[in-house]
Amino acid sequence: MQVYSSLWNADNWATRGGLVKIDWSCAPFTAGLCKFNARACKWNGPVSIYQCAYPNQVNWWTSSAYKQLSWDQQGKLKWVRDNYMIYNYCTDYKRFNWQMAPECSKPQY
């Protein structure tokens, strides 16, 4: 299995309104994963989504332990957001003309 990603230039809106610029002289940007183990459900077409969502031991991600963050996990996530997140499209009302994406109404922890 391979994991791919893309990098796009959003330094005019996604970096505190353009205050933080990307240093393109550092390109190409690469990342590596060490000991990556994807434990997932193989996609076999539209029918497989039901197999992947069925709550059983093989589908470990459907257990109650993964449905909500603990208080400790919420605190750690908040710390990372407070110290490292520089852009949140769910609070960029101006860019989206006050029409936010549906996921923005979900708990943000």
C-alpha atoms as a PDB file:
ATOM      1  CA  MET A   1       0.000   0.000   0.000  1.00  0.00           C
ATOM      2  CA  GLN A   2       1.160   3.513  -0.706  1.00  0.00           C
ATOM      3  CA  VAL A   3      -0.011   6.832   0.676  1.00  0.00           C
ATOM      4  CA  TYR A   4      -0.039   9.920  -1.545  1.00  0.00           C
ATOM      5  CA  SER A   5      -0.619  13.549  -0.736  1.00  0.00           C
ATOM      6  CA  SER A   6      -0.583  16.837  -2.569  1.00  0.00           C
ATOM      7  CA  LEU A   7       0.767  20.225  -1.644  1.00  0.00           C
ATOM      8  CA  TRP A   8      -0.991  23.308  -2.871  1.00  0.00           C
ATOM      9  CA  ASN A   9      -0.245  26.963  -2.409  1.00  0.00           C
ATOM     10  CA  ALA A  10      -2.734  28.537  -0.055  1.00  0.00           C
ATOM     11  CA  ASP A  11      -0.486  31.117   1.540  1.00  0.00           C
ATOM     12  CA  ASN A  12      -2.812  33.922   0.485  1.00  0.00           C
ATOM     13  CA  TRP A  13      -5.645  32.629   2.682  1.00  0.00           C
ATOM     14  CA  ALA A  14      -4.690  29.569   4.782  1.00  0.00           C
ATOM     15  CA  THR A  15      -1.830  31.087   6.738  1.00  0.00           C
ATOM     16  CA  ARG A  16      -3.355  33.719   8.965  1.00  0.00           C
ATOM     17  CA  GLY A  17      -4.655  35.736   6.046  1.00  0.00           C
ATOM     18  CA  GLY A  18      -1.408  35.486   4.135  1.00  0.00           C
ATOM     19  CA  LEU A  19       0.847  36.666   6.967  1.00  0.00           C
ATOM     20  CA  VAL A  20       2.888  33.456   6.905  1.00  0.00           C
ATOM     21  CA  LYS A  21       4.393  32.635   3.518  1.00  0.00           C
ATOM     22  CA  ILE A  22       5.687  29.300   2.292  1.00  0.00           C
ATOM     23  CA  ASP A  23       9.445  29.216   1.815  1.00  0.00           C
ATOM     24  CA  TRP A  24       9.532  27.635  -1.627  1.00  0.00           C
ATOM     25  CA  SER A  25      13.330  27.598  -1.587  1.00  0.00           C
ATOM     26  CA  CYS A  26      13.015  24.562   0.699  1.00  0.00           C
ATOM     27  CA  ALA A  27      11.158  22.564  -1.984  1.00  0.00           C
ATOM     28  CA  PRO A  28      10.655  19.787  -2.813  1.00  0.00           C
ATOM     29  CA  PHE A  29       8.757  18.969   0.341  1.00  0.00           C
ATOM     30  CA  THR A  30       8.828  15.312   1.237  1.00  0.00           C
ATOM     31  CA  ALA A  31       7.608  13.242   4.129  1.00  0.00           C
ATOM     32  CA  GLY A  32       8.216   9.658   5.041  1.00  0.00           C
ATOM     33  CA  LEU A  33       6.332   7.190   7.160  1.00  0.00           C
ATOM     34  CA  CYS A  34       8.222   4.687   9.255  1.00  0.00           C
ATOM     35  CA  LYS A  35       6.538   1.412  10.169  1.00  0.00           C
ATOM     36  CA  PHE A  36       3.208   2.563   8.693  1.00  0.00           C
ATOM     37  CA  ASN A  37       0.568  -0.123   9.108  1.00  0.00           C
ATOM     38  CA  ALA A  38      -2.780   0.580   7.498  1.00  0.00           C
ATOM     39  CA  ARG A  39      -5.383  -1.503   9.271  1.00  0.00           C
ATOM     40  CA  ALA A  40      -8.356  -0.705   7.134  1.00  0.00           C
ATOM     41  CA  CYS A  41     -11.217  -2.151   5.189  1.00  0.00           C
ATOM     42  CA  LYS A  42     -10.480  -2.901   1.545  1.00  0.00           C
ATOM     43  CA  TRP A  43     -12.725  -1.087  -0.920  1.00  0.00           C
ATOM     44  CA  ASN A  44     -14.555  -3.555  -3.157  1.00  0.00           C
ATOM     45  CA  GLY A  45     -17.169  -1.231  -4.596  1.00  0.00           C
ATOM     46  CA  PRO A  46     -20.319   0.354  -3.134  1.00  0.00           C
ATOM     47  CA  VAL A  47     -21.453  -2.798  -1.309  1.00  0.00           C
ATOM     48  CA  SER A  48     -18.255  -2.960   0.741  1.00  0.00           C
ATOM     49  CA  ILE A  49     -19.079   0.225   2.698  1.00  0.00           C
ATOM     50  CA  TYR A  50     -21.632  -1.777   4.662  1.00  0.00           C
ATOM     51  CA  GLN A  51     -19.063  -4.492   5.351  1.00  0.00           C
ATOM     52  CA  CYS A  52     -16.601  -1.862   6.551  1.00  0.00           C
ATOM     53  CA  ALA A  53     -19.138  -0.202   8.847  1.00  0.00           C
ATOM     54  CA  TYR A  54     -20.471  -3.418  10.375  1.00  0.00           C
ATOM     55  CA  PRO A  55     -19.556  -3.519  14.096  1.00  0.00           C
ATOM     56  CA  ASN A  56     -17.404  -6.601  14.610  1.00  0.00           C
ATOM     57  CA  GLN A  57     -13.881  -7.393  15.850  1.00  0.00           C
ATOM     58  CA  VAL A  58     -12.344  -7.169  12.383  1.00  0.00           C
ATOM     59  CA  ASN A  59     -13.669  -3.614  12.021  1.00  0.00           C
ATOM     60  CA  TRP A  60     -11.891  -2.395  15.162  1.00  0.00           C
ATOM     61  CA  TRP A  61     -12.704   1.249  14.329  1.00  0.00           C
ATOM     62  CA  THR A  62     -16.421   0.629  14.994  1.00  0.00           C
ATOM     63  CA  SER A  63     -15.878  -0.106  18.703  1.00  0.00           C
ATOM     64  CA  SER A  64     -17.080   2.416  21.280  1.00  0.00           C
ATOM     65  CA  ALA A  65     -13.459   3.265  22.176  1.00  0.00           C
ATOM     66  CA  TYR A  66     -13.156   5.132  18.860  1.00  0.00           C
ATOM     67  CA  LYS A  67     -16.463   6.959  18.862  1.00  0.00           C
ATOM     68  CA  GLN A  68     -15.438   9.761  21.205  1.00  0.00           C
ATOM     69  CA  LEU A  69     -12.232  11.272  22.580  1.00  0.00           C
ATOM     70  CA  SER A  70     -11.503  10.922  26.295  1.00  0.00           C
ATOM     71  CA  TRP A  71     -11.085  14.088  28.389  1.00  0.00           C
ATOM     72  CA  ASP A  72      -7.325  13.547  28.300  1.00  0.00           C
ATOM     73  CA  GLN A  73      -7.322  13.154  24.516  1.00  0.00           C
ATOM     74  CA  GLN A  74      -9.505  16.249  24.124  1.00  0.00           C
ATOM     75  CA  GLY A  75      -7.053  18.234  26.248  1.00  0.00           C
ATOM     76  CA  LYS A  76      -4.088  17.060  24.169  1.00  0.00           C
ATOM     77  CA  LEU A  77      -5.884  17.880  20.934  1.00  0.00           C
ATOM     78  CA  LYS A  78      -6.748  21.344  22.252  1.00  0.00           C
ATOM     79  CA  TRP A  79      -3.089  21.908  23.157  1.00  0.00           C
ATOM     80  CA  VAL A  80      -1.969  20.969  19.630  1.00  0.00           C
ATOM     81  CA  ARG A  81      -4.639  23.214  18.079  1.00  0.00           C
ATOM     82  CA  ASP A  82      -3.717  26.141  20.347  1.00  0.00           C
ATOM     83  CA  ASN A  83       0.011  25.778  19.705  1.00  0.00           C
ATOM     84  CA  TYR A  84       0.232  24.634  16.090  1.00  0.00           C
ATOM     85  CA  MET A  85      -2.942  25.288  14.106  1.00  0.00           C
ATOM     86  CA  ILE A  86      -2.668  28.504  12.143  1.00  0.00           C
ATOM     87  CA  TYR A  87      -5.800  28.180  10.006  1.00  0.00           C
ATOM     88  CA  ASN A  88      -9.251  26.735  10.552  1.00  0.00           C
ATOM     89  CA  TYR A  89     -11.617  26.955   7.610  1.00  0.00           C
ATOM     90  CA  CYS A  90     -14.533  26.463  10.009  1.00  0.00           C
ATOM     91  CA  THR A  91     -13.875  29.942  11.402  1.00  0.00           C
ATOM     92  CA  ASP A  92     -13.104  31.635   8.084  1.00  0.00           C
ATOM     93  CA  TYR A  93     -16.531  33.205   7.709  1.00  0.00           C
ATOM     94  CA  LYS A  94     -15.331  35.910   5.356  1.00  0.00           C
ATOM     95  CA  ARG A  95     -13.845  33.501   2.809  1.00  0.00           C
ATOM     96  CA  PHE A  96     -16.947  31.301   2.708  1.00  0.00           C
ATOM     97  CA  ASN A  97     -19.505  34.123   2.815  1.00  0.00           C
ATOM     98  CA  TRP A  98     -20.952  32.881   6.127  1.00  0.00           C
ATOM     99  CA  GLN A  99     -21.830  29.463   4.644  1.00  0.00           C
ATOM    100  CA  MET A 100     -19.729  26.908   6.438  1.00  0.00           C
ATOM    101  CA  ALA A 101     -19.130  23.285   5.490  1.00  0.00           C
ATOM    102  CA  PRO A 102     -21.503  20.782   7.159  1.00  0.00           C
ATOM    103  CA  GLU A 103     -18.696  19.194   9.199  1.00  0.00           C
ATOM    104  CA  CYS A 104     -18.068  22.533  10.909  1.00  0.00           C
ATOM    105  CA  SER A 105     -21.249  22.036  12.944  1.00  0.00           C
ATOM    106  CA  LYS A 106     -19.843  18.808  14.445  1.00  0.00           C
ATOM    107  CA  PRO A 107     -17.978  18.827  17.782  1.00  0.00           C
ATOM    108  CA  GLN A 108     -14.545  20.379  17.300  1.00  0.00           C
ATOM    109  CA  TYR A 109     -13.206  19.292  20.715  1.00  0.00           C
END
